[in-house]
Amino acid sequence: MEGLSAAAITYYVVGLVGYAAKGLKAFGWPVNVDLAMAFSIPLVALAALLGVRHVRKVVTRAAS
């Protein structure tokens, strides 16, 4: 279940990165939206996985 949650979070946040990149491009910044999204995937995925694991450990510890 942990991996599925991290995947869903990654999908959502990378979508937000895409919207932010499109906004920057609309302001005239030289941003390649596709590359911004592609480069954000590993960073976001790692952060999401570590975050979900941390939350699971805290909840498990509190339930004990």
PDB file of N, CA and C in Angstrom:
ATOM      1  N   MET A   1       0.820  -1.191   0.000  1.00  0.00           N
ATOM      2  CA  MET A   1       0.000   0.000   0.000  1.00  0.00           C
ATOM      3  C   MET A   1       0.871   1.265   0.000  1.00  0.00           C
ATOM      4  N   GLU A   2       2.020   1.137   0.599  1.00  0.00           N
ATOM      5  CA  GLU A   2       2.942   2.267   0.704  1.00  0.00           C
ATOM      6  C   GLU A   2       3.369   2.769  -0.678  1.00  0.00           C
ATOM      7  N   GLY A   3       3.677   1.855  -1.576  1.00  0.00           N
ATOM      8  CA  GLY A   3       4.106   2.228  -2.923  1.00  0.00           C
ATOM      9  C   GLY A   3       2.992   2.883  -3.719  1.00  0.00           C
ATOM     10  N   LEU A   4       1.772   2.387  -3.541  1.00  0.00           N
ATOM     11  CA  LEU A   4       0.633   2.968  -4.250  1.00  0.00           C
ATOM     12  C   LEU A   4       0.382   4.407  -3.796  1.00  0.00           C
ATOM     13  N   SER A   5       0.496   4.651  -2.502  1.00  0.00           N
ATOM     14  CA  SER A   5       0.323   6.006  -1.988  1.00  0.00           C
ATOM     15  C   SER A   5       1.401   6.942  -2.528  1.00  0.00           C
ATOM     16  N   ALA A   6       2.637   6.478  -2.542  1.00  0.00           N
ATOM     17  CA  ALA A   6       3.734   7.294  -3.059  1.00  0.00           C
ATOM     18  C   ALA A   6       3.546   7.573  -4.547  1.00  0.00           C
ATOM     19  N   ALA A   7       3.046   6.594  -5.280  1.00  0.00           N
ATOM     20  CA  ALA A   7       2.809   6.788  -6.716  1.00  0.00           C
ATOM     21  C   ALA A   7       1.709   7.820  -6.948  1.00  0.00           C
ATOM     22  N   ALA A   8       0.650   7.759  -6.154  1.00  0.00           N
ATOM     23  CA  ALA A   8      -0.442   8.719  -6.306  1.00  0.00           C
ATOM     24  C   ALA A   8       0.020  10.134  -5.962  1.00  0.00           C
ATOM     25  N   ILE A   9       0.788  10.261  -4.905  1.00  0.00           N
ATOM     26  CA  ILE A   9       1.315  11.572  -4.514  1.00  0.00           C
ATOM     27  C   ILE A   9       2.241  12.104  -5.606  1.00  0.00           C
ATOM     28  N   THR A  10       3.095  11.236  -6.135  1.00  0.00           N
ATOM     29  CA  THR A  10       4.020  11.635  -7.193  1.00  0.00           C
ATOM     30  C   THR A  10       3.265  12.134  -8.413  1.00  0.00           C
ATOM     31  N   TYR A  11       2.250  11.402  -8.829  1.00  0.00           N
ATOM     32  CA  TYR A  11       1.452  11.779  -9.995  1.00  0.00           C
ATOM     33  C   TYR A  11       0.823  13.161  -9.785  1.00  0.00           C
ATOM     34  N   TYR A  12       0.265  13.397  -8.618  1.00  0.00           N
ATOM     35  CA  TYR A  12      -0.392  14.659  -8.317  1.00  0.00           C
ATOM     36  C   TYR A  12       0.611  15.814  -8.281  1.00  0.00           C
ATOM     37  N   VAL A  13       1.716  15.638  -7.591  1.00  0.00           N
ATOM     38  CA  VAL A  13       2.693  16.725  -7.431  1.00  0.00           C
ATOM     39  C   VAL A  13       3.387  17.042  -8.759  1.00  0.00           C
ATOM     40  N   VAL A  14       3.689  16.027  -9.557  1.00  0.00           N
ATOM     41  CA  VAL A  14       4.305  16.282 -10.861  1.00  0.00           C
ATOM     42  C   VAL A  14       3.331  17.058 -11.747  1.00  0.00           C
ATOM     43  N   GLY A  15       2.053  16.785 -11.626  1.00  0.00           N
ATOM     44  CA  GLY A  15       1.049  17.579 -12.336  1.00  0.00           C
ATOM     45  C   GLY A  15       1.089  19.035 -11.905  1.00  0.00           C
ATOM     46  N   LEU A  16       1.245  19.272 -10.603  1.00  0.00           N
ATOM     47  CA  LEU A  16       1.367  20.645 -10.098  1.00  0.00           C
ATOM     48  C   LEU A  16       2.629  21.320 -10.617  1.00  0.00           C
ATOM     49  N   VAL A  17       3.713  20.566 -10.696  1.00  0.00           N
ATOM     50  CA  VAL A  17       4.955  21.107 -11.263  1.00  0.00           C
ATOM     51  C   VAL A  17       4.718  21.529 -12.714  1.00  0.00           C
ATOM     52  N   GLY A  18       3.958  20.726 -13.441  1.00  0.00           N
ATOM     53  CA  GLY A  18       3.637  21.063 -14.831  1.00  0.00           C
ATOM     54  C   GLY A  18       2.859  22.361 -14.933  1.00  0.00           C
ATOM     55  N   TYR A  19       1.857  22.528 -14.050  1.00  0.00           N
ATOM     56  CA  TYR A  19       1.088  23.777 -14.060  1.00  0.00           C
ATOM     57  C   TYR A  19       1.969  24.973 -13.703  1.00  0.00           C
ATOM     58  N   ALA A  20       2.865  24.782 -12.730  1.00  0.00           N
ATOM     59  CA  ALA A  20       3.769  25.871 -12.346  1.00  0.00           C
ATOM     60  C   ALA A  20       4.705  26.223 -13.503  1.00  0.00           C
ATOM     61  N   ALA A  21       5.211  25.206 -14.191  1.00  0.00           N
ATOM     62  CA  ALA A  21       6.105  25.452 -15.327  1.00  0.00           C
ATOM     63  C   ALA A  21       5.366  26.171 -16.455  1.00  0.00           C
ATOM     64  N   LYS A  22       4.111  25.797 -16.689  1.00  0.00           N
ATOM     65  CA  LYS A  22       3.313  26.477 -17.713  1.00  0.00           C
ATOM     66  C   LYS A  22       3.085  27.934 -17.336  1.00  0.00           C
ATOM     67  N   GLY A  23       2.885  28.183 -16.048  1.00  0.00           N
ATOM     68  CA  GLY A  23       2.724  29.557 -15.585  1.00  0.00           C
ATOM     69  C   GLY A  23       3.978  30.381 -15.790  1.00  0.00           C
ATOM     70  N   LEU A  24       5.127  29.793 -15.470  1.00  0.00           N
ATOM     71  CA  LEU A  24       6.392  30.498 -15.692  1.00  0.00           C
ATOM     72  C   LEU A  24       6.613  30.773 -17.173  1.00  0.00           C
ATOM     73  N   LYS A  25       6.248  29.809 -18.005  1.00  0.00           N
ATOM     74  CA  LYS A  25       6.395  29.989 -19.448  1.00  0.00           C
ATOM     75  C   LYS A  25       5.490  31.116 -19.940  1.00  0.00           C
ATOM     76  N   ALA A  26       4.286  31.218 -19.382  1.00  0.00           N
ATOM     77  CA  ALA A  26       3.357  32.280 -19.759  1.00  0.00           C
ATOM     78  C   ALA A  26       3.891  33.658 -19.371  1.00  0.00           C
ATOM     79  N   PHE A  27       4.716  33.713 -18.317  1.00  0.00           N
ATOM     80  CA  PHE A  27       5.329  34.974 -17.902  1.00  0.00           C
ATOM     81  C   PHE A  27       6.564  35.314 -18.717  1.00  0.00           C
ATOM     82  N   GLY A  28       6.924  34.434 -19.652  1.00  0.00           N
ATOM     83  CA  GLY A  28       8.054  34.718 -20.525  1.00  0.00           C
ATOM     84  C   GLY A  28       9.346  34.017 -20.164  1.00  0.00           C
ATOM     85  N   TRP A  29       9.329  33.181 -19.137  1.00  0.00           N
ATOM     86  CA  TRP A  29      10.537  32.454 -18.764  1.00  0.00           C
ATOM     87  C   TRP A  29      10.774  31.340 -19.779  1.00  0.00           C
ATOM     88  N   PRO A  30      12.014  31.075 -20.121  1.00  0.00           N
ATOM     89  CA  PRO A  30      12.307  30.006 -21.098  1.00  0.00           C
ATOM     90  C   PRO A  30      12.271  28.620 -20.439  1.00  0.00           C
ATOM     91  N   VAL A  31      11.071  28.124 -20.187  1.00  0.00           N
ATOM     92  CA  VAL A  31      10.892  26.856 -19.482  1.00  0.00           C
ATOM     93  C   VAL A  31      10.359  25.805 -20.450  1.00  0.00           C
ATOM     94  N   ASN A  32      10.996  24.647 -20.471  1.00  0.00           N
ATOM     95  CA  ASN A  32      10.475  23.507 -21.215  1.00  0.00           C
ATOM     96  C   ASN A  32       9.622  22.702 -20.228  1.00  0.00           C
ATOM     97  N   VAL A  33       8.319  22.764 -20.391  1.00  0.00           N
ATOM     98  CA  VAL A  33       7.386  22.162 -19.446  1.00  0.00           C
ATOM     99  C   VAL A  33       7.605  20.655 -19.339  1.00  0.00           C
ATOM    100  N   ASP A  34       7.775  19.996 -20.466  1.00  0.00           N
ATOM    101  CA  ASP A  34       7.959  18.545 -20.453  1.00  0.00           C
ATOM    102  C   ASP A  34       9.220  18.142 -19.696  1.00  0.00           C
ATOM    103  N   LEU A  35      10.304  18.870 -19.911  1.00  0.00           N
ATOM    104  CA  LEU A  35      11.547  18.549 -19.199  1.00  0.00           C
ATOM    105  C   LEU A  35      11.431  18.849 -17.704  1.00  0.00           C
ATOM    106  N   ALA A  36      10.757  19.929 -17.358  1.00  0.00           N
ATOM    107  CA  ALA A  36      10.570  20.256 -15.940  1.00  0.00           C
ATOM    108  C   ALA A  36       9.813  19.137 -15.233  1.00  0.00           C
ATOM    109  N   MET A  37       8.779  18.631 -15.887  1.00  0.00           N
ATOM    110  CA  MET A  37       8.009  17.537 -15.293  1.00  0.00           C
ATOM    111  C   MET A  37       8.845  16.263 -15.223  1.00  0.00           C
ATOM    112  N   ALA A  38       9.576  15.974 -16.281  1.00  0.00           N
ATOM    113  CA  ALA A  38      10.384  14.749 -16.308  1.00  0.00           C
ATOM    114  C   ALA A  38      11.466  14.763 -15.237  1.00  0.00           C
ATOM    115  N   PHE A  39      12.138  15.896 -15.075  1.00  0.00           N
ATOM    116  CA  PHE A  39      13.194  15.976 -14.071  1.00  0.00           C
ATOM    117  C   PHE A  39      12.642  15.972 -12.647  1.00  0.00           C
ATOM    118  N   SER A  40      11.392  16.394 -12.475  1.00  0.00           N
ATOM    119  CA  SER A  40      10.822  16.414 -11.128  1.00  0.00           C
ATOM    120  C   SER A  40      10.381  15.030 -10.655  1.00  0.00           C
ATOM    121  N   ILE A  41      10.145  14.111 -11.574  1.00  0.00           N
ATOM    122  CA  ILE A  41       9.605  12.797 -11.189  1.00  0.00           C
ATOM    123  C   ILE A  41      10.484  12.065 -10.174  1.00  0.00           C
ATOM    124  N   PRO A  42      11.791  11.880 -10.411  1.00  0.00           N
ATOM    125  CA  PRO A  42      12.579  11.135  -9.419  1.00  0.00           C
ATOM    126  C   PRO A  42      12.664  11.851  -8.071  1.00  0.00           C
ATOM    127  N   LEU A  43      12.776  13.169  -8.101  1.00  0.00           N
ATOM    128  CA  LEU A  43      12.857  13.920  -6.841  1.00  0.00           C
ATOM    129  C   LEU A  43      11.563  13.818  -6.049  1.00  0.00           C
ATOM    130  N   VAL A  44      10.456  14.010  -6.736  1.00  0.00           N
ATOM    131  CA  VAL A  44       9.153  13.943  -6.076  1.00  0.00           C
ATOM    132  C   VAL A  44       8.872  12.520  -5.590  1.00  0.00           C
ATOM    133  N   ALA A  45       9.204  11.528  -6.411  1.00  0.00           N
ATOM    134  CA  ALA A  45       8.954  10.136  -6.029  1.00  0.00           C
ATOM    135  C   ALA A  45       9.742   9.760  -4.778  1.00  0.00           C
ATOM    136  N   LEU A  46      10.995  10.152  -4.722  1.00  0.00           N
ATOM    137  CA  LEU A  46      11.814   9.856  -3.548  1.00  0.00           C
ATOM    138  C   LEU A  46      11.264  10.556  -2.305  1.00  0.00           C
ATOM    139  N   ALA A  47      10.917  11.826  -2.438  1.00  0.00           N
ATOM    140  CA  ALA A  47      10.366  12.569  -1.307  1.00  0.00           C
ATOM    141  C   ALA A  47       9.041  11.962  -0.847  1.00  0.00           C
ATOM    142  N   ALA A  48       8.196  11.565  -1.782  1.00  0.00           N
ATOM    143  CA  ALA A  48       6.906  10.972  -1.434  1.00  0.00           C
ATOM    144  C   ALA A  48       7.101   9.634  -0.725  1.00  0.00           C
ATOM    145  N   LEU A  49       7.996   8.808  -1.241  1.00  0.00           N
ATOM    146  CA  LEU A  49       8.241   7.505  -0.623  1.00  0.00           C
ATOM    147  C   LEU A  49       8.780   7.656   0.796  1.00  0.00           C
ATOM    148  N   LEU A  50       9.743   8.545   0.962  1.00  0.00           N
ATOM    149  CA  LEU A  50      10.302   8.770   2.302  1.00  0.00           C
ATOM    150  C   LEU A  50       9.258   9.361   3.244  1.00  0.00           C
ATOM    151  N   GLY A  51       8.437  10.265   2.736  1.00  0.00           N
ATOM    152  CA  GLY A  51       7.389  10.863   3.553  1.00  0.00           C
ATOM    153  C   GLY A  51       6.336   9.858   3.982  1.00  0.00           C
ATOM    154  N   VAL A  52       5.902   9.012   3.067  1.00  0.00           N
ATOM    155  CA  VAL A  52       4.896   7.991   3.400  1.00  0.00           C
ATOM    156  C   VAL A  52       5.465   6.999   4.404  1.00  0.00           C
ATOM    157  N   ARG A  53       6.711   6.595   4.233  1.00  0.00           N
ATOM    158  CA  ARG A  53       7.342   5.674   5.190  1.00  0.00           C
ATOM    159  C   ARG A  53       7.440   6.300   6.571  1.00  0.00           C
ATOM    160  N   HIS A  54       7.799   7.570   6.621  1.00  0.00           N
ATOM    161  CA  HIS A  54       7.923   8.259   7.906  1.00  0.00           C
ATOM    162  C   HIS A  54       6.569   8.324   8.616  1.00  0.00           C
ATOM    163  N   VAL A  55       5.542   8.687   7.881  1.00  0.00           N
ATOM    164  CA  VAL A  55       4.201   8.771   8.476  1.00  0.00           C
ATOM    165  C   VAL A  55       3.769   7.397   8.984  1.00  0.00           C
ATOM    166  N   ARG A  56       4.023   6.348   8.196  1.00  0.00           N
ATOM    167  CA  ARG A  56       3.645   4.997   8.623  1.00  0.00           C
ATOM    168  C   ARG A  56       4.362   4.606   9.915  1.00  0.00           C
ATOM    169  N   LYS A  57       5.649   4.927  10.022  1.00  0.00           N
ATOM    170  CA  LYS A  57       6.405   4.596  11.230  1.00  0.00           C
ATOM    171  C   LYS A  57       5.882   5.358  12.435  1.00  0.00           C
ATOM    172  N   VAL A  58       5.555   6.628  12.250  1.00  0.00           N
ATOM    173  CA  VAL A  58       5.034   7.433  13.367  1.00  0.00           C
ATOM    174  C   VAL A  58       3.682   6.898  13.820  1.00  0.00           C
ATOM    175  N   VAL A  59       2.829   6.566  12.883  1.00  0.00           N
ATOM    176  CA  VAL A  59       1.502   6.053  13.246  1.00  0.00           C
ATOM    177  C   VAL A  59       1.629   4.690  13.916  1.00  0.00           C
ATOM    178  N   THR A  60       2.503   3.836  13.408  1.00  0.00           N
ATOM    179  CA  THR A  60       2.702   2.516  13.998  1.00  0.00           C
ATOM    180  C   THR A  60       3.250   2.645  15.413  1.00  0.00           C
ATOM    181  N   ARG A  61       4.184   3.551  15.615  1.00  0.00           N
ATOM    182  CA  ARG A  61       4.773   3.769  16.938  1.00  0.00           C
ATOM    183  C   ARG A  61       3.735   4.312  17.910  1.00  0.00           C
ATOM    184  N   ALA A  62       2.862   5.203  17.440  1.00  0.00           N
ATOM    185  CA  ALA A  62       1.837   5.793  18.305  1.00  0.00           C
ATOM    186  C   ALA A  62       0.768   4.775  18.670  1.00  0.00           C
ATOM    187  N   ALA A  63       0.505   3.813  17.799  1.00  0.00           N
ATOM    188  CA  ALA A  63      -0.520   2.800  18.058  1.00  0.00           C
ATOM    189  C   ALA A  63      -0.042   1.743  19.048  1.00  0.00           C
ATOM    190  N   SER A  64       1.257   1.614  19.210  1.00  0.00           N
ATOM    191  CA  SER A  64       1.806   0.578  20.107  1.00  0.00           C
ATOM    192  C   SER A  64       1.720   0.951  21.555  1.00  0.00           C
TER     193      SER A  64
END
